[in-house]
Each structure stands twice: as C-alpha cells, then as structure tokens.
Amino acid sequence: ANHLISSQWAHDETNTFRSNELTSAVR
C-alpha cells in the first residue's frame, strides 16, 4: 500500500503517520 514496512523506517514519524492515521495499513 503506502507505508514502508522495512525496519529502516521503524521509527520514522512520517511513515508512522501514514500507517496509523491514514488508510494504508488497513488496505
């Protein structure tokens, strides 16, 4: 979808926003 899933981005705030606040993780 639209959030990065590699460990490189585990603590990235923008990526966390996409995963937690938008629809990417659900899709």
mmCIF file of all heavy atoms, coordinates in Angstrom:
data_MODEL
# 
_entry.id   MODEL 
# 
loop_
_atom_site.group_PDB 
_atom_site.id 
_atom_site.type_symbol 
_atom_site.label_atom_id 
_atom_site.label_alt_id 
_atom_site.label_comp_id 
_atom_site.label_asym_id 
_atom_site.label_entity_id 
_atom_site.label_seq_id 
_atom_site.pdbx_PDB_ins_code 
_atom_site.Cartn_x 
_atom_site.Cartn_y 
_atom_site.Cartn_z 
_atom_site.occupancy 
_atom_site.B_iso_or_equiv 
_atom_site.pdbx_formal_charge 
_atom_site.auth_seq_id 
_atom_site.auth_comp_id 
_atom_site.auth_asym_id 
_atom_site.auth_atom_id 
_atom_site.pdbx_PDB_model_num 
ATOM 1   N N   . ALA A 1 1  ? 0.862  -1.194 0.000  1.00 0.00 ? 1  ALA A N   1 
ATOM 2   C CA  . ALA A 1 1  ? 0.000  0.000  0.000  1.00 0.00 ? 1  ALA A CA  1 
ATOM 3   C C   . ALA A 1 1  ? 0.893  1.237  0.000  1.00 0.00 ? 1  ALA A C   1 
ATOM 4   O O   . ALA A 1 1  ? 1.673  1.426  -0.937 1.00 0.00 ? 1  ALA A O   1 
ATOM 5   C CB  . ALA A 1 1  ? -0.964 -0.032 1.182  1.00 0.00 ? 1  ALA A CB  1 
ATOM 6   N N   . ASN A 1 2  ? 0.844  2.046  1.056  1.00 0.00 ? 2  ASN A N   1 
ATOM 7   C CA  . ASN A 1 2  ? 1.547  3.330  1.014  1.00 0.00 ? 2  ASN A CA  1 
ATOM 8   C C   . ASN A 1 2  ? 2.333  3.657  2.272  1.00 0.00 ? 2  ASN A C   1 
ATOM 9   O O   . ASN A 1 2  ? 2.685  4.816  2.496  1.00 0.00 ? 2  ASN A O   1 
ATOM 10  C CB  . ASN A 1 2  ? 0.554  4.459  0.720  1.00 0.00 ? 2  ASN A CB  1 
ATOM 11  C CG  . ASN A 1 2  ? -0.195 4.241  -0.570 1.00 0.00 ? 2  ASN A CG  1 
ATOM 12  O OD1 . ASN A 1 2  ? -1.353 3.862  -0.547 1.00 0.00 ? 2  ASN A OD1 1 
ATOM 13  N ND2 . ASN A 1 2  ? 0.468  4.425  -1.696 1.00 0.00 ? 2  ASN A ND2 1 
ATOM 14  N N   . HIS A 1 3  ? 2.615  2.656  3.104  1.00 0.00 ? 3  HIS A N   1 
ATOM 15  C CA  . HIS A 1 3  ? 3.535  2.863  4.226  1.00 0.00 ? 3  HIS A CA  1 
ATOM 16  C C   . HIS A 1 3  ? 4.657  1.844  4.118  1.00 0.00 ? 3  HIS A C   1 
ATOM 17  O O   . HIS A 1 3  ? 4.464  0.699  3.715  1.00 0.00 ? 3  HIS A O   1 
ATOM 18  C CB  . HIS A 1 3  ? 2.814  2.749  5.573  1.00 0.00 ? 3  HIS A CB  1 
ATOM 19  C CG  . HIS A 1 3  ? 2.299  1.377  5.888  1.00 0.00 ? 3  HIS A CG  1 
ATOM 20  N ND1 . HIS A 1 3  ? 1.186  0.832  5.264  1.00 0.00 ? 3  HIS A ND1 1 
ATOM 21  C CD2 . HIS A 1 3  ? 2.751  0.415  6.741  1.00 0.00 ? 3  HIS A CD2 1 
ATOM 22  C CE1 . HIS A 1 3  ? 0.960  -0.379 5.728  1.00 0.00 ? 3  HIS A CE1 1 
ATOM 23  N NE2 . HIS A 1 3  ? 1.903  -0.659 6.626  1.00 0.00 ? 3  HIS A NE2 1 
ATOM 24  N N   . LEU A 1 4  ? 5.868  2.278  4.448  1.00 0.00 ? 4  LEU A N   1 
ATOM 25  C CA  . LEU A 1 4  ? 7.064  1.449  4.323  1.00 0.00 ? 4  LEU A CA  1 
ATOM 26  C C   . LEU A 1 4  ? 7.081  0.408  5.439  1.00 0.00 ? 4  LEU A C   1 
ATOM 27  O O   . LEU A 1 4  ? 6.695  0.690  6.574  1.00 0.00 ? 4  LEU A O   1 
ATOM 28  C CB  . LEU A 1 4  ? 8.308  2.335  4.398  1.00 0.00 ? 4  LEU A CB  1 
ATOM 29  C CG  . LEU A 1 4  ? 8.317  3.503  3.391  1.00 0.00 ? 4  LEU A CG  1 
ATOM 30  C CD1 . LEU A 1 4  ? 9.363  4.538  3.790  1.00 0.00 ? 4  LEU A CD1 1 
ATOM 31  C CD2 . LEU A 1 4  ? 8.552  3.005  1.981  1.00 0.00 ? 4  LEU A CD2 1 
ATOM 32  N N   . ILE A 1 5  ? 7.553  -0.800 5.135  1.00 0.00 ? 5  ILE A N   1 
ATOM 33  C CA  . ILE A 1 5  ? 7.465  -1.882 6.119  1.00 0.00 ? 5  ILE A CA  1 
ATOM 34  C C   . ILE A 1 5  ? 8.828  -2.437 6.516  1.00 0.00 ? 5  ILE A C   1 
ATOM 35  O O   . ILE A 1 5  ? 8.904  -3.286 7.406  1.00 0.00 ? 5  ILE A O   1 
ATOM 36  C CB  . ILE A 1 5  ? 6.566  -3.023 5.605  1.00 0.00 ? 5  ILE A CB  1 
ATOM 37  C CG1 . ILE A 1 5  ? 7.100  -3.602 4.285  1.00 0.00 ? 5  ILE A CG1 1 
ATOM 38  C CG2 . ILE A 1 5  ? 5.137  -2.531 5.424  1.00 0.00 ? 5  ILE A CG2 1 
ATOM 39  C CD1 . ILE A 1 5  ? 6.298  -4.795 3.778  1.00 0.00 ? 5  ILE A CD1 1 
ATOM 40  N N   . SER A 1 6  ? 9.913  -1.977 5.917  1.00 0.00 ? 6  SER A N   1 
ATOM 41  C CA  . SER A 1 6  ? 11.244 -2.439 6.301  1.00 0.00 ? 6  SER A CA  1 
ATOM 42  C C   . SER A 1 6  ? 11.652 -1.810 7.631  1.00 0.00 ? 6  SER A C   1 
ATOM 43  O O   . SER A 1 6  ? 11.183 -0.724 7.995  1.00 0.00 ? 6  SER A O   1 
ATOM 44  C CB  . SER A 1 6  ? 12.273 -2.086 5.226  1.00 0.00 ? 6  SER A CB  1 
ATOM 45  O OG  . SER A 1 6  ? 11.948 -2.699 3.999  1.00 0.00 ? 6  SER A OG  1 
ATOM 46  N N   . SER A 1 7  ? 12.554 -2.461 8.355  1.00 0.00 ? 7  SER A N   1 
ATOM 47  C CA  . SER A 1 7  ? 12.982 -1.982 9.672  1.00 0.00 ? 7  SER A CA  1 
ATOM 48  C C   . SER A 1 7  ? 13.661 -0.616 9.600  1.00 0.00 ? 7  SER A C   1 
ATOM 49  O O   . SER A 1 7  ? 13.718 0.109  10.594 1.00 0.00 ? 7  SER A O   1 
ATOM 50  C CB  . SER A 1 7  ? 13.926 -2.998 10.321 1.00 0.00 ? 7  SER A CB  1 
ATOM 51  O OG  . SER A 1 7  ? 15.079 -3.211 9.496  1.00 0.00 ? 7  SER A OG  1 
ATOM 52  N N   . GLN A 1 8  ? 14.182 -0.254 8.428  1.00 0.00 ? 8  GLN A N   1 
ATOM 53  C CA  . GLN A 1 8  ? 14.823 1.051  8.236  1.00 0.00 ? 8  GLN A CA  1 
ATOM 54  C C   . GLN A 1 8  ? 13.907 2.193  8.678  1.00 0.00 ? 8  GLN A C   1 
ATOM 55  O O   . GLN A 1 8  ? 14.361 3.227  9.164  1.00 0.00 ? 8  GLN A O   1 
ATOM 56  C CB  . GLN A 1 8  ? 15.186 1.214  6.751  1.00 0.00 ? 8  GLN A CB  1 
ATOM 57  C CG  . GLN A 1 8  ? 15.640 2.601  6.335  1.00 0.00 ? 8  GLN A CG  1 
ATOM 58  C CD  . GLN A 1 8  ? 17.015 2.946  6.854  1.00 0.00 ? 8  GLN A CD  1 
ATOM 59  O OE1 . GLN A 1 8  ? 17.903 2.107  6.840  1.00 0.00 ? 8  GLN A OE1 1 
ATOM 60  N NE2 . GLN A 1 8  ? 17.184 4.168  7.345  1.00 0.00 ? 8  GLN A NE2 1 
ATOM 61  N N   . TRP A 1 9  ? 12.591 2.005  8.538  1.00 0.00 ? 9  TRP A N   1 
ATOM 62  C CA  . TRP A 1 9  ? 11.639 3.092  8.764  1.00 0.00 ? 9  TRP A CA  1 
ATOM 63  C C   . TRP A 1 9  ? 10.839 2.901  10.059 1.00 0.00 ? 9  TRP A C   1 
ATOM 64  O O   . TRP A 1 9  ? 9.815  3.560  10.249 1.00 0.00 ? 9  TRP A O   1 
ATOM 65  C CB  . TRP A 1 9  ? 10.677 3.181  7.584  1.00 0.00 ? 9  TRP A CB  1 
ATOM 66  C CG  . TRP A 1 9  ? 11.325 2.892  6.279  1.00 0.00 ? 9  TRP A CG  1 
ATOM 67  C CD1 . TRP A 1 9  ? 11.272 1.733  5.574  1.00 0.00 ? 9  TRP A CD1 1 
ATOM 68  C CD2 . TRP A 1 9  ? 12.165 3.770  5.516  1.00 0.00 ? 9  TRP A CD2 1 
ATOM 69  N NE1 . TRP A 1 9  ? 12.007 1.825  4.414  1.00 0.00 ? 9  TRP A NE1 1 
ATOM 70  C CE2 . TRP A 1 9  ? 12.576 3.068  4.353  1.00 0.00 ? 9  TRP A CE2 1 
ATOM 71  C CE3 . TRP A 1 9  ? 12.606 5.089  5.692  1.00 0.00 ? 9  TRP A CE3 1 
ATOM 72  C CZ2 . TRP A 1 9  ? 13.395 3.625  3.391  1.00 0.00 ? 9  TRP A CZ2 1 
ATOM 73  C CZ3 . TRP A 1 9  ? 13.430 5.650  4.724  1.00 0.00 ? 9  TRP A CZ3 1 
ATOM 74  C CH2 . TRP A 1 9  ? 13.812 4.929  3.592  1.00 0.00 ? 9  TRP A CH2 1 
ATOM 75  N N   . ALA A 1 10 ? 11.291 2.015  10.935 1.00 0.00 ? 10 ALA A N   1 
ATOM 76  C CA  . ALA A 1 10 ? 10.504 1.664  12.124 1.00 0.00 ? 10 ALA A CA  1 
ATOM 77  C C   . ALA A 1 10 ? 10.191 2.876  12.999 1.00 0.00 ? 10 ALA A C   1 
ATOM 78  O O   . ALA A 1 10 ? 9.136  2.923  13.641 1.00 0.00 ? 10 ALA A O   1 
ATOM 79  C CB  . ALA A 1 10 ? 11.233 0.598  12.933 1.00 0.00 ? 10 ALA A CB  1 
ATOM 80  N N   . HIS A 1 11 ? 11.086 3.836  13.056 1.00 0.00 ? 11 HIS A N   1 
ATOM 81  C CA  . HIS A 1 11 ? 10.896 4.992  13.934 1.00 0.00 ? 11 HIS A CA  1 
ATOM 82  C C   . HIS A 1 11 ? 10.710 6.296  13.147 1.00 0.00 ? 11 HIS A C   1 
ATOM 83  O O   . HIS A 1 11 ? 10.882 7.378  13.701 1.00 0.00 ? 11 HIS A O   1 
ATOM 84  C CB  . HIS A 1 11 ? 12.086 5.121  14.884 1.00 0.00 ? 11 HIS A CB  1 
ATOM 85  C CG  . HIS A 1 11 ? 12.329 3.883  15.700 1.00 0.00 ? 11 HIS A CG  1 
ATOM 86  N ND1 . HIS A 1 11 ? 11.464 3.455  16.678 1.00 0.00 ? 11 HIS A ND1 1 
ATOM 87  C CD2 . HIS A 1 11 ? 13.338 2.964  15.645 1.00 0.00 ? 11 HIS A CD2 1 
ATOM 88  C CE1 . HIS A 1 11 ? 11.919 2.333  17.213 1.00 0.00 ? 11 HIS A CE1 1 
ATOM 89  N NE2 . HIS A 1 11 ? 13.053 2.017  16.612 1.00 0.00 ? 11 HIS A NE2 1 
ATOM 90  N N   . ASP A 1 12 ? 10.360 6.161  11.890 1.00 0.00 ? 12 ASP A N   1 
ATOM 91  C CA  . ASP A 1 12 ? 10.171 7.333  11.031 1.00 0.00 ? 12 ASP A CA  1 
ATOM 92  C C   . ASP A 1 12 ? 8.780  7.917  11.283 1.00 0.00 ? 12 ASP A C   1 
ATOM 93  O O   . ASP A 1 12 ? 7.761  7.233  11.135 1.00 0.00 ? 12 ASP A O   1 
ATOM 94  C CB  . ASP A 1 12 ? 10.326 6.916  9.561  1.00 0.00 ? 12 ASP A CB  1 
ATOM 95  C CG  . ASP A 1 12 ? 10.297 8.088  8.612  1.00 0.00 ? 12 ASP A CG  1 
ATOM 96  O OD1 . ASP A 1 12 ? 9.192  8.602  8.338  1.00 0.00 ? 12 ASP A OD1 1 
ATOM 97  O OD2 . ASP A 1 12 ? 11.369 8.493  8.148  1.00 0.00 ? 12 ASP A OD2 1 
ATOM 98  N N   . GLU A 1 13 ? 8.709  9.180  11.671 1.00 0.00 ? 13 GLU A N   1 
ATOM 99  C CA  . GLU A 1 13 ? 7.442  9.785  12.076 1.00 0.00 ? 13 GLU A CA  1 
ATOM 100 C C   . GLU A 1 13 ? 6.447  9.911  10.913 1.00 0.00 ? 13 GLU A C   1 
ATOM 101 O O   . GLU A 1 13 ? 5.252  9.669  11.078 1.00 0.00 ? 13 GLU A O   1 
ATOM 102 C CB  . GLU A 1 13 ? 7.687  11.160 12.699 1.00 0.00 ? 13 GLU A CB  1 
ATOM 103 C CG  . GLU A 1 13 ? 8.397  11.108 14.047 1.00 0.00 ? 13 GLU A CG  1 
ATOM 104 C CD  . GLU A 1 13 ? 8.543  12.481 14.677 1.00 0.00 ? 13 GLU A CD  1 
ATOM 105 O OE1 . GLU A 1 13 ? 8.038  13.465 14.083 1.00 0.00 ? 13 GLU A OE1 1 
ATOM 106 O OE2 . GLU A 1 13 ? 9.156  12.565 15.758 1.00 0.00 ? 13 GLU A OE2 1 
ATOM 107 N N   . THR A 1 14 ? 6.950  10.302 9.736  1.00 0.00 ? 14 THR A N   1 
ATOM 108 C CA  . THR A 1 14 ? 6.055  10.444 8.593  1.00 0.00 ? 14 THR A CA  1 
ATOM 109 C C   . THR A 1 14 ? 5.475  9.100  8.198  1.00 0.00 ? 14 THR A C   1 
ATOM 110 O O   . THR A 1 14 ? 4.273  8.978  7.919  1.00 0.00 ? 14 THR A O   1 
ATOM 111 C CB  . THR A 1 14 ? 6.804  11.068 7.399  1.00 0.00 ? 14 THR A CB  1 
ATOM 112 O OG1 . THR A 1 14 ? 7.321  12.340 7.779  1.00 0.00 ? 14 THR A OG1 1 
ATOM 113 C CG2 . THR A 1 14 ? 5.882  11.243 6.206  1.00 0.00 ? 14 THR A CG2 1 
ATOM 114 N N   . ASN A 1 15 ? 6.317  8.068  8.176  1.00 0.00 ? 15 ASN A N   1 
ATOM 115 C CA  . ASN A 1 15 ? 5.835  6.734  7.839  1.00 0.00 ? 15 ASN A CA  1 
ATOM 116 C C   . ASN A 1 15 ? 4.840  6.229  8.882  1.00 0.00 ? 15 ASN A C   1 
ATOM 117 O O   . ASN A 1 15 ? 3.829  5.604  8.550  1.00 0.00 ? 15 ASN A O   1 
ATOM 118 C CB  . ASN A 1 15 ? 7.013  5.766  7.729  1.00 0.00 ? 15 ASN A CB  1 
ATOM 119 C CG  . ASN A 1 15 ? 6.601  4.414  7.203  1.00 0.00 ? 15 ASN A CG  1 
ATOM 120 O OD1 . ASN A 1 15 ? 5.982  4.297  6.156  1.00 0.00 ? 15 ASN A OD1 1 
ATOM 121 N ND2 . ASN A 1 15 ? 6.917  3.373  7.963  1.00 0.00 ? 15 ASN A ND2 1 
ATOM 122 N N   . THR A 1 16 ? 5.104  6.514  10.149 1.00 0.00 ? 16 THR A N   1 
ATOM 123 C CA  . THR A 1 16 ? 4.181  6.113  11.214 1.00 0.00 ? 16 THR A CA  1 
ATOM 124 C C   . THR A 1 16 ? 2.835  6.809  11.051 1.00 0.00 ? 16 THR A C   1 
ATOM 125 O O   . THR A 1 16 ? 1.774  6.197  11.256 1.00 0.00 ? 16 THR A O   1 
ATOM 126 C CB  . THR A 1 16 ? 4.782  6.449  12.592 1.00 0.00 ? 16 THR A CB  1 
ATOM 127 O OG1 . THR A 1 16 ? 6.019  5.750  12.745 1.00 0.00 ? 16 THR A OG1 1 
ATOM 128 C CG2 . THR A 1 16 ? 3.840  6.056  13.709 1.00 0.00 ? 16 THR A CG2 1 
ATOM 129 N N   . PHE A 1 17 ? 2.871  8.086  10.657 1.00 0.00 ? 17 PHE A N   1 
ATOM 130 C CA  . PHE A 1 17 ? 1.634  8.814  10.401 1.00 0.00 ? 17 PHE A CA  1 
ATOM 131 C C   . PHE A 1 17 ? 0.829  8.134  9.299  1.00 0.00 ? 17 PHE A C   1 
ATOM 132 O O   . PHE A 1 17 ? -0.392 7.938  9.419  1.00 0.00 ? 17 PHE A O   1 
ATOM 133 C CB  . PHE A 1 17 ? 1.948  10.261 10.011 1.00 0.00 ? 17 PHE A CB  1 
ATOM 134 C CG  . PHE A 1 17 ? 0.788  11.016 9.440  1.00 0.00 ? 17 PHE A CG  1 
ATOM 135 C CD1 . PHE A 1 17 ? -0.218 11.500 10.259 1.00 0.00 ? 17 PHE A CD1 1 
ATOM 136 C CD2 . PHE A 1 17 ? 0.698  11.243 8.065  1.00 0.00 ? 17 PHE A CD2 1 
ATOM 137 C CE1 . PHE A 1 17 ? -1.297 12.198 9.730  1.00 0.00 ? 17 PHE A CE1 1 
ATOM 138 C CE2 . PHE A 1 17 ? -0.377 11.935 7.534  1.00 0.00 ? 17 PHE A CE2 1 
ATOM 139 C CZ  . PHE A 1 17 ? -1.377 12.413 8.363  1.00 0.00 ? 17 PHE A CZ  1 
ATOM 140 N N   . ARG A 1 18 ? 1.497  7.763  8.213  1.00 0.00 ? 18 ARG A N   1 
ATOM 141 C CA  . ARG A 1 18 ? 0.794  7.101  7.111  1.00 0.00 ? 18 ARG A CA  1 
ATOM 142 C C   . ARG A 1 18 ? 0.184  5.775  7.559  1.00 0.00 ? 18 ARG A C   1 
ATOM 143 O O   . ARG A 1 18 ? -0.914 5.415  7.154  1.00 0.00 ? 18 ARG A O   1 
ATOM 144 C CB  . ARG A 1 18 ? 1.751  6.864  5.942  1.00 0.00 ? 18 ARG A CB  1 
ATOM 145 C CG  . ARG A 1 18 ? 1.983  8.099  5.089  1.00 0.00 ? 18 ARG A CG  1 
ATOM 146 C CD  . ARG A 1 18 ? 2.871  7.794  3.898  1.00 0.00 ? 18 ARG A CD  1 
ATOM 147 N NE  . ARG A 1 18 ? 2.941  8.950  3.008  1.00 0.00 ? 18 ARG A NE  1 
ATOM 148 C CZ  . ARG A 1 18 ? 2.417  8.988  1.792  1.00 0.00 ? 18 ARG A CZ  1 
ATOM 149 N NH1 . ARG A 1 18 ? 1.765  7.951  1.334  1.00 0.00 ? 18 ARG A NH1 1 
ATOM 150 N NH2 . ARG A 1 18 ? 2.530  10.071 1.048  1.00 0.00 ? 18 ARG A NH2 1 
ATOM 151 N N   . SER A 1 19 ? 0.918  5.040  8.379  1.00 0.00 ? 19 SER A N   1 
ATOM 152 C CA  . SER A 1 19 ? 0.442  3.732  8.833  1.00 0.00 ? 19 SER A CA  1 
ATOM 153 C C   . SER A 1 19 ? -0.686 3.843  9.840  1.00 0.00 ? 19 SER A C   1 
ATOM 154 O O   . SER A 1 19 ? -1.699 3.137  9.748  1.00 0.00 ? 19 SER A O   1 
ATOM 155 C CB  . SER A 1 19 ? 1.613  2.950  9.446  1.00 0.00 ? 19 SER A CB  1 
ATOM 156 O OG  . SER A 1 19 ? 1.179  1.711  9.965  1.00 0.00 ? 19 SER A OG  1 
ATOM 157 N N   . ASN A 1 20 ? -0.552 4.755  10.802 1.00 0.00 ? 20 ASN A N   1 
ATOM 158 C CA  . ASN A 1 20 ? -1.501 4.814  11.916 1.00 0.00 ? 20 ASN A CA  1 
ATOM 159 C C   . ASN A 1 20 ? -2.694 5.721  11.663 1.00 0.00 ? 20 ASN A C   1 
ATOM 160 O O   . ASN A 1 20 ? -3.786 5.468  12.191 1.00 0.00 ? 20 ASN A O   1 
ATOM 161 C CB  . ASN A 1 20 ? -0.793 5.287  13.189 1.00 0.00 ? 20 ASN A CB  1 
ATOM 162 C CG  . ASN A 1 20 ? 0.251  4.288  13.678 1.00 0.00 ? 20 ASN A CG  1 
ATOM 163 O OD1 . ASN A 1 20 ? 0.293  3.149  13.210 1.00 0.00 ? 20 ASN A OD1 1 
ATOM 164 N ND2 . ASN A 1 20 ? 1.081  4.713  14.609 1.00 0.00 ? 20 ASN A ND2 1 
ATOM 165 N N   . GLU A 1 21 ? -2.500 6.785  10.878 1.00 0.00 ? 21 GLU A N   1 
ATOM 166 C CA  . GLU A 1 21 ? -3.543 7.791  10.741 1.00 0.00 ? 21 GLU A CA  1 
ATOM 167 C C   . GLU A 1 21 ? -4.280 7.740  9.405  1.00 0.00 ? 21 GLU A C   1 
ATOM 168 O O   . GLU A 1 21 ? -5.406 8.236  9.310  1.00 0.00 ? 21 GLU A O   1 
ATOM 169 C CB  . GLU A 1 21 ? -2.950 9.194  10.926 1.00 0.00 ? 21 GLU A CB  1 
ATOM 170 C CG  . GLU A 1 21 ? -2.229 9.400  12.251 1.00 0.00 ? 21 GLU A CG  1 
ATOM 171 C CD  . GLU A 1 21 ? -3.149 9.251  13.450 1.00 0.00 ? 21 GLU A CD  1 
ATOM 172 O OE1 . GLU A 1 21 ? -4.345 9.564  13.303 1.00 0.00 ? 21 GLU A OE1 1 
ATOM 173 O OE2 . GLU A 1 21 ? -2.679 8.806  14.516 1.00 0.00 ? 21 GLU A OE2 1 
ATOM 174 N N   . LEU A 1 22 ? -3.655 7.171  8.384  1.00 0.00 ? 22 LEU A N   1 
ATOM 175 C CA  . LEU A 1 22 ? -4.293 7.104  7.073  1.00 0.00 ? 22 LEU A CA  1 
ATOM 176 C C   . LEU A 1 22 ? -4.803 5.691  6.817  1.00 0.00 ? 22 LEU A C   1 
ATOM 177 O O   . LEU A 1 22 ? -4.898 4.882  7.732  1.00 0.00 ? 22 LEU A O   1 
ATOM 178 C CB  . LEU A 1 22 ? -3.310 7.578  6.000  1.00 0.00 ? 22 LEU A CB  1 
ATOM 179 C CG  . LEU A 1 22 ? -2.746 8.996  6.206  1.00 0.00 ? 22 LEU A CG  1 
ATOM 180 C CD1 . LEU A 1 22 ? -1.830 9.378  5.051  1.00 0.00 ? 22 LEU A CD1 1 
ATOM 181 C CD2 . LEU A 1 22 ? -3.866 10.019 6.361  1.00 0.00 ? 22 LEU A CD2 1 
ATOM 182 N N   . THR A 1 23 ? -5.109 5.366  5.585  1.00 0.00 ? 23 THR A N   1 
ATOM 183 C CA  . THR A 1 23 ? -5.771 4.094  5.280  1.00 0.00 ? 23 THR A CA  1 
ATOM 184 C C   . THR A 1 23 ? -4.813 3.007  4.809  1.00 0.00 ? 23 THR A C   1 
ATOM 185 O O   . THR A 1 23 ? -5.235 1.896  4.521  1.00 0.00 ? 23 THR A O   1 
ATOM 186 C CB  . THR A 1 23 ? -6.829 4.306  4.183  1.00 0.00 ? 23 THR A CB  1 
ATOM 187 O OG1 . THR A 1 23 ? -6.172 4.710  2.969  1.00 0.00 ? 23 THR A OG1 1 
ATOM 188 C CG2 . THR A 1 23 ? -7.829 5.374  4.596  1.00 0.00 ? 23 THR A CG2 1 
ATOM 189 N N   . SER A 1 24 ? -3.523 3.310  4.723  1.00 0.00 ? 24 SER A N   1 
ATOM 190 C CA  . SER A 1 24 ? -2.575 2.386  4.111  1.00 0.00 ? 24 SER A CA  1 
ATOM 191 C C   . SER A 1 24 ? -2.532 1.033  4.818  1.00 0.00 ? 24 SER A C   1 
ATOM 192 O O   . SER A 1 24 ? -2.598 -0.020 4.177  1.00 0.00 ? 24 SER A O   1 
ATOM 193 C CB  . SER A 1 24 ? -1.173 3.015  4.094  1.00 0.00 ? 24 SER A CB  1 
ATOM 194 O OG  . SER A 1 24 ? -0.243 2.141  3.514  1.00 0.00 ? 24 SER A OG  1 
ATOM 195 N N   . ALA A 1 25 ? -2.429 1.031  6.154  1.00 0.00 ? 25 ALA A N   1 
ATOM 196 C CA  . ALA A 1 25 ? -2.307 -0.228 6.890  1.00 0.00 ? 25 ALA A CA  1 
ATOM 197 C C   . ALA A 1 25 ? -3.555 -1.085 6.728  1.00 0.00 ? 25 ALA A C   1 
ATOM 198 O O   . ALA A 1 25 ? -3.468 -2.318 6.617  1.00 0.00 ? 25 ALA A O   1 
ATOM 199 C CB  . ALA A 1 25 ? -2.041 0.061  8.366  1.00 0.00 ? 25 ALA A CB  1 
ATOM 200 N N   . VAL A 1 26 ? -4.721 -0.449 6.702  1.00 0.00 ? 26 VAL A N   1 
ATOM 201 C CA  . VAL A 1 26 ? -5.977 -1.195 6.534  1.00 0.00 ? 26 VAL A CA  1 
ATOM 202 C C   . VAL A 1 26 ? -6.023 -1.850 5.164  1.00 0.00 ? 26 VAL A C   1 
ATOM 203 O O   . VAL A 1 26 ? -6.380 -3.030 5.036  1.00 0.00 ? 26 VAL A O   1 
ATOM 204 C CB  . VAL A 1 26 ? -7.182 -0.254 6.734  1.00 0.00 ? 26 VAL A CB  1 
ATOM 205 C CG1 . VAL A 1 26 ? -8.490 -0.986 6.438  1.00 0.00 ? 26 VAL A CG1 1 
ATOM 206 C CG2 . VAL A 1 26 ? -7.198 0.301  8.145  1.00 0.00 ? 26 VAL A CG2 1 
ATOM 207 N N   . ARG A 1 27 ? -5.666 -1.098 4.124  1.00 0.00 ? 27 ARG A N   1 
ATOM 208 C CA  . ARG A 1 27 ? -5.697 -1.658 2.769  1.00 0.00 ? 27 ARG A CA  1 
ATOM 209 C C   . ARG A 1 27 ? -4.686 -2.789 2.608  1.00 0.00 ? 27 ARG A C   1 
ATOM 210 O O   . ARG A 1 27 ? -4.967 -3.815 1.982  1.00 0.00 ? 27 ARG A O   1 
ATOM 211 C CB  . ARG A 1 27 ? -5.434 -0.558 1.736  1.00 0.00 ? 27 ARG A CB  1 
ATOM 212 C CG  . ARG A 1 27 ? -6.623 0.362  1.538  1.00 0.00 ? 27 ARG A CG  1 
ATOM 213 C CD  . ARG A 1 27 ? -6.389 1.410  0.468  1.00 0.00 ? 27 ARG A CD  1 
ATOM 214 N NE  . ARG A 1 27 ? -5.512 2.484  0.924  1.00 0.00 ? 27 ARG A NE  1 
ATOM 215 C CZ  . ARG A 1 27 ? -4.284 2.715  0.495  1.00 0.00 ? 27 ARG A CZ  1 
ATOM 216 N NH1 . ARG A 1 27 ? -3.744 1.925  -0.437 1.00 0.00 ? 27 ARG A NH1 1 
ATOM 217 N NH2 . ARG A 1 27 ? -3.581 3.726  0.957  1.00 0.00 ? 27 ARG A NH2 1 
# 
